[in-house]
Amino acid sequence: MFNRKMVFNLVVLLLISFTITLIAPVSASASEEVINIDIAREIANGYLQKFAGKDNYWSNSQAGNSSMLYLIDGQSGVYLFDVLNNDKIVGNIIILATKDRTPFISLSTQDFSKLLVQVEDKVHKTLVDNQKIANPRYIYGGQFLIAVEYTIVENDKEVKKVLFDI
């Protein structure tokens, strides 16, 4: 009934389909409801409590300051929270900003605010005489791609937009 080649092709097709659904980027349509920042903070703190039970590094940690990271199309993407322990940043947690998928995305020991300062320093080094940076917009392209889009302004006029990955 089925030959080996047909079965093999079917298995490969199924694996490719499954892989595509796993790596599809996070996206939000205009109809998807954005989660309130306070609810997102509660979700982040709930996940931090779960991780604290498995790893002492996260004990007594809580979600601190947050930033909205947008998708390339401008839609709300994720909330990035500083993770605080005794008022010291010990990492960050990313929570999806819409209700369409599982809310938890990642937890890291990186200090995102330090990375932003480093990126901003790089941008300043590229500026010429009367130029300055304005309107930083944080962009989320997936778990391993976070970028900042800056507007370069010269004499109160927008010159260009630049994108730096973090």
Protein backbone atom coordinates (compact mmCIF):
# COMPACT_ATOMS: atom_id res chain seq x y z
CA MET A 1 0.00 0.00 0.00
CA PHE A 2 2.66 2.57 1.09
CA ASN A 3 6.19 2.31 -0.14
CA ARG A 4 9.20 3.41 1.90
CA LYS A 5 9.83 6.52 -0.18
CA MET A 6 6.25 7.76 0.32
CA VAL A 7 6.45 7.21 4.08
CA PHE A 8 9.86 8.90 4.24
CA ASN A 9 8.57 11.94 2.29
CA LEU A 10 5.51 12.18 4.52
CA VAL A 11 7.65 12.07 7.68
CA VAL A 12 9.99 14.76 6.31
CA LEU A 13 7.02 16.96 5.38
CA LEU A 14 5.52 16.56 8.86
CA LEU A 15 8.86 17.37 10.52
CA ILE A 16 9.29 20.50 8.40
CA SER A 17 5.74 21.63 9.20
CA PHE A 18 6.29 21.02 12.91
CA THR A 19 9.61 22.89 12.87
CA ILE A 20 8.09 25.90 11.11
CA THR A 21 5.40 26.19 13.79
CA LEU A 22 8.05 26.04 16.52
CA ILE A 23 10.22 28.77 15.08
CA ALA A 24 7.50 31.09 13.81
CA PRO A 25 8.16 34.57 15.17
CA VAL A 26 5.96 36.07 17.84
CA SER A 27 3.45 38.37 16.19
CA ALA A 28 0.34 40.21 17.18
CA SER A 29 -2.51 41.32 15.03
CA ALA A 30 -4.41 44.52 15.67
CA SER A 31 -7.31 42.50 17.09
CA GLU A 32 -5.24 40.85 19.83
CA GLU A 33 -5.64 42.37 23.24
CA VAL A 34 -2.55 43.83 24.92
CA ILE A 35 -2.02 42.67 28.50
CA ASN A 36 -2.06 45.45 31.09
CA ILE A 37 1.41 46.17 32.54
CA ASP A 38 0.24 45.32 36.08
CA ILE A 39 -1.05 41.91 34.96
CA ALA A 40 2.19 41.29 33.06
CA ARG A 41 4.14 42.14 36.24
CA GLU A 42 2.03 39.65 38.24
CA ILE A 43 2.71 36.99 35.60
CA ALA A 44 6.46 37.76 35.72
CA ASN A 45 6.49 37.55 39.53
CA GLY A 46 4.62 34.23 39.39
CA TYR A 47 7.24 32.76 37.07
CA LEU A 48 10.04 34.15 39.25
CA GLN A 49 8.54 32.37 42.27
CA LYS A 50 8.43 29.11 40.29
CA PHE A 51 12.07 29.48 39.27
CA ALA A 52 13.11 30.41 42.82
CA GLY A 53 11.91 26.98 43.93
CA LYS A 54 14.29 25.37 41.43
CA ASP A 55 17.27 27.74 41.56
CA ASN A 56 18.33 29.81 44.57
CA TYR A 57 19.71 32.53 42.27
CA TRP A 58 16.12 33.73 41.77
CA SER A 59 15.11 33.57 45.47
CA ASN A 60 13.47 36.78 46.71
CA SER A 61 13.50 38.20 43.16
CA GLN A 62 10.74 40.38 41.79
CA ALA A 63 9.92 42.16 38.55
CA GLY A 64 11.14 45.76 38.54
CA ASN A 65 11.16 48.42 35.84
CA SER A 66 9.77 47.43 32.48
CA SER A 67 10.13 48.37 28.84
CA MET A 68 7.78 47.56 25.97
CA LEU A 69 9.57 45.90 23.07
CA TYR A 70 7.70 46.26 19.80
CA LEU A 71 7.52 43.98 16.81
CA ILE A 72 8.98 45.18 13.52
CA ASP A 73 5.47 46.09 12.32
CA GLY A 74 5.00 48.41 15.31
CA GLN A 75 2.61 46.16 17.24
CA SER A 76 3.15 45.57 20.97
CA GLY A 77 5.43 42.57 21.33
CA VAL A 78 6.75 41.81 24.80
CA TYR A 79 7.39 43.40 28.16
CA LEU A 80 10.97 43.21 29.34
CA PHE A 81 11.24 43.51 33.13
CA ASP A 82 14.38 44.04 35.17
CA VAL A 83 14.58 41.30 37.79
CA LEU A 84 15.49 42.76 41.18
CA ASN A 85 16.90 41.12 44.27
CA ASN A 86 17.51 43.47 47.22
CA ASP A 87 17.05 46.44 44.83
CA LYS A 88 19.89 45.17 42.61
CA ILE A 89 19.30 44.11 39.00
CA VAL A 90 20.13 40.40 38.74
CA GLY A 91 18.62 39.72 35.31
CA ASN A 92 15.53 40.19 33.19
CA ILE A 93 12.37 38.37 32.29
CA ILE A 94 10.41 38.69 29.06
CA ILE A 95 6.62 38.33 29.12
CA LEU A 96 4.44 38.37 26.00
CA ALA A 97 2.38 41.58 25.77
CA THR A 98 -0.66 39.97 24.14
CA LYS A 99 -3.04 37.26 25.26
CA ASP A 100 -2.65 35.07 22.19
CA ARG A 101 0.16 32.77 23.41
CA THR A 102 1.86 31.42 26.52
CA PRO A 103 2.96 34.56 28.39
CA PHE A 104 6.46 33.51 29.53
CA ILE A 105 9.20 33.79 26.93
CA SER A 106 12.57 33.94 28.69
CA LEU A 107 14.53 34.56 31.85
CA SER A 108 18.13 35.75 31.76
CA THR A 109 20.89 36.90 34.08
CA GLN A 110 21.75 39.70 31.63
CA ASP A 111 21.35 43.29 32.82
CA PHE A 112 19.44 44.77 29.88
CA SER A 113 19.91 48.36 31.08
CA LYS A 114 23.72 47.98 30.90
CA LEU A 115 23.41 46.61 27.37
CA LEU A 116 21.30 49.63 26.38
CA VAL A 117 23.95 52.02 27.69
CA GLN A 118 26.59 50.19 25.64
CA VAL A 119 24.43 50.40 22.50
CA GLU A 120 23.71 54.08 23.07
CA ASP A 121 27.45 54.74 23.45
CA LYS A 122 28.02 53.03 20.07
CA VAL A 123 25.35 55.19 18.47
CA HIS A 124 26.88 58.37 19.92
CA LYS A 125 30.23 57.44 18.37
CA THR A 126 28.63 57.41 14.91
CA LEU A 127 27.16 60.91 15.22
CA VAL A 128 28.63 63.98 13.58
CA ASP A 129 28.66 67.61 14.79
CA ASN A 130 25.05 68.75 15.33
CA GLN A 131 23.46 65.32 15.45
CA LYS A 132 21.75 63.76 18.42
CA ILE A 133 19.67 60.66 19.02
CA ALA A 134 15.98 60.70 19.82
CA ASN A 135 12.98 58.43 20.24
CA PRO A 136 14.53 55.06 21.05
CA ARG A 137 12.15 52.24 20.11
CA TYR A 138 12.91 48.76 21.40
CA ILE A 139 12.24 45.99 18.89
CA TYR A 140 11.69 42.31 19.63
CA GLY A 141 12.46 40.00 16.73
CA GLY A 142 12.48 36.78 18.72
CA GLN A 143 14.23 35.37 21.73
CA PHE A 144 17.69 36.00 20.31
CA LEU A 145 17.06 39.29 18.50
CA ILE A 146 16.46 42.47 20.45
CA ALA A 147 17.30 45.77 18.81
CA VAL A 148 16.94 49.49 19.37
CA GLU A 149 15.83 51.85 16.64
CA TYR A 150 17.05 55.42 17.11
CA THR A 151 16.08 58.53 15.19
CA ILE A 152 19.09 60.68 14.28
CA VAL A 153 18.18 64.36 14.51
CA GLU A 154 20.21 67.27 13.17
CA ASN A 155 19.11 70.90 13.68
CA ASP A 156 15.70 69.67 14.92
CA LYS A 157 15.09 67.67 11.72
CA GLU A 158 15.01 63.90 11.39
CA VAL A 159 18.01 62.79 9.33
CA LYS A 160 17.59 59.02 9.43
CA LYS A 161 16.70 56.04 11.55
CA VAL A 162 19.34 53.55 12.65
CA LEU A 163 18.89 50.08 14.05
CA PHE A 164 21.36 48.49 16.48
CA ASP A 165 21.03 44.94 17.74
CA ILE A 166 21.75 44.14 21.35
